[in-house]
Amino acid sequence: MRALLALLLICLASAATAQRVALVLGNGAYQNAPPLPNATNDARDMAAKLRELGFTVYEGVDRGRVDTLRVIQAFTEALTPETTALFYFAGHGVQIGAENYLVPVDAEAGDEFGLTVDSIKLQTILTSMERR
């Protein structure tokens, strides 16, 4: 984690003074999967550090699918072509076929179809960032 923060600080030092926004998601209190206490702590630490660095942080910790999508939407609406944007996720993720998914705390354990319905496709977030 410290190495990641050091790298982040170096990159940010060279960034322009444009508006800075970050989406920080951390899930640890899973209802249907083993808990991940470090994921929640890491996300909160990252959000705090980014705020210190002048980022507007859209933070979602231990959120279900619907609430996570609301945070993602608020984040993407804040993006402009001049915005410096950062995305950070800590929690369970799965790859199904060629797609990667972030697993919210309320996702049901089950078959591949159920996981794709209950989870959030990573590419959706990345595409939203690219389009803005």
Protein backbone atom coordinates (compact mmCIF):
# COMPACT_ATOMS: atom_id res chain seq x y z
CA MET A 1 0.00 0.00 0.00
CA ARG A 2 2.80 2.45 0.86
CA ALA A 3 4.53 1.81 -2.47
CA LEU A 4 1.26 2.49 -4.28
CA LEU A 5 0.79 5.74 -2.36
CA ALA A 6 4.36 6.82 -3.13
CA LEU A 7 3.84 6.18 -6.84
CA LEU A 8 0.55 8.03 -6.70
CA LEU A 9 2.18 11.03 -5.05
CA ILE A 10 4.88 11.18 -7.72
CA CYS A 11 2.32 11.05 -10.51
CA LEU A 12 0.14 13.67 -8.89
CA ALA A 13 3.02 16.05 -8.33
CA SER A 14 3.43 16.34 -12.08
CA ALA A 15 -0.30 16.68 -12.84
CA ALA A 16 -1.74 19.99 -13.95
CA THR A 17 -3.80 22.12 -11.59
CA ALA A 18 -7.02 21.08 -13.31
CA GLN A 19 -9.93 19.88 -11.23
CA ARG A 20 -9.10 16.57 -9.57
CA VAL A 21 -11.76 13.97 -8.85
CA ALA A 22 -11.47 10.44 -7.57
CA LEU A 23 -13.78 7.48 -7.32
CA VAL A 24 -12.82 5.32 -4.34
CA LEU A 25 -14.74 2.12 -3.71
CA GLY A 26 -13.96 -0.31 -0.92
CA ASN A 27 -15.97 -3.36 0.04
CA GLY A 28 -15.20 -5.54 3.00
CA ALA A 29 -18.50 -6.34 4.76
CA TYR A 30 -19.78 -8.87 2.25
CA GLN A 31 -23.12 -10.48 3.05
CA ASN A 32 -22.58 -13.64 0.99
CA ALA A 33 -18.78 -13.92 0.76
CA PRO A 34 -15.83 -13.87 3.15
CA PRO A 35 -15.25 -10.40 4.67
CA LEU A 36 -12.25 -8.31 3.68
CA PRO A 37 -11.39 -5.94 6.57
CA ASN A 38 -8.30 -4.52 4.86
CA ALA A 39 -10.24 -3.50 1.74
CA THR A 40 -12.41 -1.10 3.72
CA ASN A 41 -9.44 0.33 5.60
CA ASP A 42 -7.41 0.73 2.40
CA ALA A 43 -10.25 2.56 0.63
CA ARG A 44 -10.77 4.94 3.54
CA ASP A 45 -7.02 5.63 3.76
CA MET A 46 -6.82 6.26 0.03
CA ALA A 47 -9.83 8.61 0.11
CA ALA A 48 -8.33 10.58 3.00
CA LYS A 49 -4.97 10.93 1.25
CA LEU A 50 -6.59 12.02 -2.00
CA ARG A 51 -8.61 14.67 -0.16
CA GLU A 52 -5.36 15.95 1.37
CA LEU A 53 -3.99 16.22 -2.17
CA GLY A 54 -6.91 18.36 -3.30
CA PHE A 55 -9.14 15.76 -4.91
CA THR A 56 -12.90 15.83 -4.71
CA VAL A 57 -13.53 12.24 -3.65
CA TYR A 58 -16.63 10.22 -4.47
CA GLU A 59 -16.39 7.49 -1.88
CA GLY A 60 -18.37 4.30 -1.55
CA VAL A 61 -17.47 1.98 1.31
CA ASP A 62 -19.41 -1.23 1.97
CA ARG A 63 -22.19 -0.30 -0.42
CA GLY A 64 -24.68 -2.44 -2.24
CA ARG A 65 -25.07 -2.43 -6.01
CA VAL A 66 -27.65 0.36 -6.25
CA ASP A 67 -25.77 2.71 -3.91
CA THR A 68 -22.47 1.96 -5.66
CA LEU A 69 -24.01 2.83 -9.02
CA ARG A 70 -25.21 6.16 -7.56
CA VAL A 71 -21.68 7.01 -6.42
CA ILE A 72 -20.30 6.04 -9.84
CA GLN A 73 -22.89 8.22 -11.57
CA ALA A 74 -22.08 11.24 -9.40
CA PHE A 75 -18.37 10.73 -10.14
CA THR A 76 -18.83 10.46 -13.91
CA GLU A 77 -21.09 13.53 -13.98
CA ALA A 78 -18.26 15.53 -12.38
CA LEU A 79 -15.81 14.63 -15.16
CA THR A 80 -14.89 17.05 -17.92
CA PRO A 81 -12.17 16.83 -20.58
CA GLU A 82 -9.92 18.96 -18.33
CA THR A 83 -10.47 16.84 -15.21
CA THR A 84 -7.73 14.72 -13.70
CA ALA A 85 -9.52 11.54 -12.64
CA LEU A 86 -8.48 8.58 -10.54
CA PHE A 87 -10.30 5.32 -9.82
CA TYR A 88 -9.46 3.02 -6.91
CA PHE A 89 -11.18 -0.21 -5.89
CA ALA A 90 -10.52 -2.60 -3.01
CA GLY A 91 -12.72 -5.64 -2.61
CA HIS A 92 -13.81 -8.83 -4.31
CA GLY A 93 -13.76 -8.93 -8.07
CA VAL A 94 -14.39 -11.67 -10.59
CA GLN A 95 -13.56 -12.30 -14.20
CA ILE A 96 -16.24 -14.03 -16.24
CA GLY A 97 -15.19 -14.67 -19.79
CA ALA A 98 -13.32 -11.59 -20.95
CA GLU A 99 -15.13 -9.22 -18.56
CA ASN A 100 -14.10 -8.08 -15.09
CA TYR A 101 -16.68 -7.27 -12.43
CA LEU A 102 -16.57 -5.45 -9.09
CA VAL A 103 -18.60 -7.30 -6.49
CA PRO A 104 -20.79 -5.13 -4.24
CA VAL A 105 -21.43 -6.22 -0.64
CA ASP A 106 -24.98 -7.38 -1.39
CA ALA A 107 -24.16 -9.60 -4.39
CA GLU A 108 -25.57 -13.11 -4.15
CA ALA A 109 -23.14 -15.98 -4.42
CA GLY A 110 -24.20 -18.19 -7.26
CA ASP A 111 -23.71 -18.97 -10.91
CA GLU A 112 -22.03 -16.80 -13.52
CA PHE A 113 -25.28 -15.22 -14.71
CA GLY A 114 -26.27 -14.20 -11.19
CA LEU A 115 -22.87 -12.66 -10.55
CA THR A 116 -23.01 -10.64 -13.78
CA VAL A 117 -26.43 -9.30 -12.79
CA ASP A 118 -25.48 -8.48 -9.18
CA SER A 119 -22.02 -7.07 -9.92
CA ILE A 120 -20.74 -3.97 -11.71
CA LYS A 121 -18.82 -4.32 -14.94
CA LEU A 122 -15.42 -2.65 -14.60
CA GLN A 123 -15.42 -1.61 -18.25
CA THR A 124 -18.57 0.46 -17.64
CA ILE A 125 -16.64 2.68 -15.23
CA LEU A 126 -13.56 2.91 -17.43
CA THR A 127 -15.63 3.74 -20.53
CA SER A 128 -17.47 6.48 -18.65
CA MET A 129 -14.14 7.98 -17.66
CA GLU A 130 -12.83 7.85 -21.23
CA ARG A 131 -15.95 9.45 -22.73
CA ARG A 132 -15.83 12.43 -20.39
